[in-house]
């Protein structure tokens, strides 16, 4: 993992910690929901149109 990515994760961890300390749970929830929505969109784009079970 590159140093740039490691710094990004460290920055994200610090931001999340700050939100917890400030009792900003609603803002944190909004961020997490947006991240999950984006992840699902990426997964849908990457998934084949038809799957075989």
C-alpha atoms as a PDB file:
ATOM      1  CA  UNK A   1       0.000   0.000   0.000  1.00  0.00           C
ATOM      2  CA  UNK A   2       1.418   3.384  -0.902  1.00  0.00           C
ATOM      3  CA  UNK A   3       2.157   6.070   1.656  1.00  0.00           C
ATOM      4  CA  UNK A   4      -0.484   8.287   0.069  1.00  0.00           C
ATOM      5  CA  UNK A   5      -3.208   5.694   0.664  1.00  0.00           C
ATOM      6  CA  UNK A   6      -2.008   5.111   4.221  1.00  0.00           C
ATOM      7  CA  UNK A   7      -2.186   8.872   4.893  1.00  0.00           C
ATOM      8  CA  UNK A   8      -5.694   8.962   3.439  1.00  0.00           C
ATOM      9  CA  UNK A   9      -6.848   6.201   5.804  1.00  0.00           C
ATOM     10  CA  UNK A  10      -5.182   7.923   8.755  1.00  0.00           C
ATOM     11  CA  UNK A  11      -6.934  11.178   7.852  1.00  0.00           C
ATOM     12  CA  UNK A  12     -10.270   9.365   7.589  1.00  0.00           C
ATOM     13  CA  UNK A  13      -9.719   7.723  10.977  1.00  0.00           C
ATOM     14  CA  UNK A  14      -8.977  11.103  12.535  1.00  0.00           C
ATOM     15  CA  UNK A  15     -12.090  12.634  10.959  1.00  0.00           C
ATOM     16  CA  UNK A  16     -14.293   9.806  12.239  1.00  0.00           C
ATOM     17  CA  UNK A  17     -12.801  10.109  15.714  1.00  0.00           C
ATOM     18  CA  UNK A  18     -13.452  13.855  15.723  1.00  0.00           C
ATOM     19  CA  UNK A  19     -17.082  13.298  14.746  1.00  0.00           C
ATOM     20  CA  UNK A  20     -17.532  10.808  17.591  1.00  0.00           C
ATOM     21  CA  UNK A  21     -15.973  13.204  20.076  1.00  0.00           C
ATOM     22  CA  UNK A  22     -18.279  16.002  18.942  1.00  0.00           C
ATOM     23  CA  UNK A  23     -21.358  13.747  19.181  1.00  0.00           C
ATOM     24  CA  UNK A  24     -22.049  14.184  15.486  1.00  0.00           C
ATOM     25  CA  UNK A  25     -23.480  10.710  14.963  1.00  0.00           C
ATOM     26  CA  UNK A  26     -26.010  11.874  12.376  1.00  0.00           C
ATOM     27  CA  UNK A  27     -23.292  13.351  10.188  1.00  0.00           C
ATOM     28  CA  UNK A  28     -21.241  10.178  10.517  1.00  0.00           C
ATOM     29  CA  UNK A  29     -24.275   8.078   9.582  1.00  0.00           C
ATOM     30  CA  UNK A  30     -24.838  10.211   6.480  1.00  0.00           C
ATOM     31  CA  UNK A  31     -21.200   9.744   5.446  1.00  0.00           C
ATOM     32  CA  UNK A  32     -21.377   5.981   5.959  1.00  0.00           C
ATOM     33  CA  UNK A  33     -24.651   5.657   4.037  1.00  0.00           C
ATOM     34  CA  UNK A  34     -23.214   7.649   1.125  1.00  0.00           C
ATOM     35  CA  UNK A  35     -20.116   5.433   1.104  1.00  0.00           C
ATOM     36  CA  UNK A  36     -22.235   2.271   1.075  1.00  0.00           C
ATOM     37  CA  UNK A  37     -24.391   3.591  -1.754  1.00  0.00           C
ATOM     38  CA  UNK A  38     -21.273   4.361  -3.789  1.00  0.00           C
ATOM     39  CA  UNK A  39     -19.838   0.911  -3.052  1.00  0.00           C
ATOM     40  CA  UNK A  40     -23.052  -0.775  -4.211  1.00  0.00           C
ATOM     41  CA  UNK A  41     -23.036   1.272  -7.427  1.00  0.00           C
ATOM     42  CA  UNK A  42     -19.457   0.168  -8.107  1.00  0.00           C
ATOM     43  CA  UNK A  43     -20.369  -3.456  -7.434  1.00  0.00           C
ATOM     44  CA  UNK A  44     -23.385  -3.271  -9.745  1.00  0.00           C
ATOM     45  CA  UNK A  45     -21.244  -1.836 -12.532  1.00  0.00           C
ATOM     46  CA  UNK A  46     -18.656  -4.579 -12.052  1.00  0.00           C
ATOM     47  CA  UNK A  47     -21.169  -7.437 -11.853  1.00  0.00           C
ATOM     48  CA  UNK A  48     -21.948  -9.347 -15.030  1.00  0.00           C
ATOM     49  CA  UNK A  49     -25.390  -8.696 -16.516  1.00  0.00           C
ATOM     50  CA  UNK A  50     -26.390 -12.330 -16.021  1.00  0.00           C
ATOM     51  CA  UNK A  51     -25.130 -14.585 -13.267  1.00  0.00           C
ATOM     52  CA  UNK A  52     -25.121 -18.356 -13.197  1.00  0.00           C
ATOM     53  CA  UNK A  53     -25.971 -20.020  -9.907  1.00  0.00           C
END
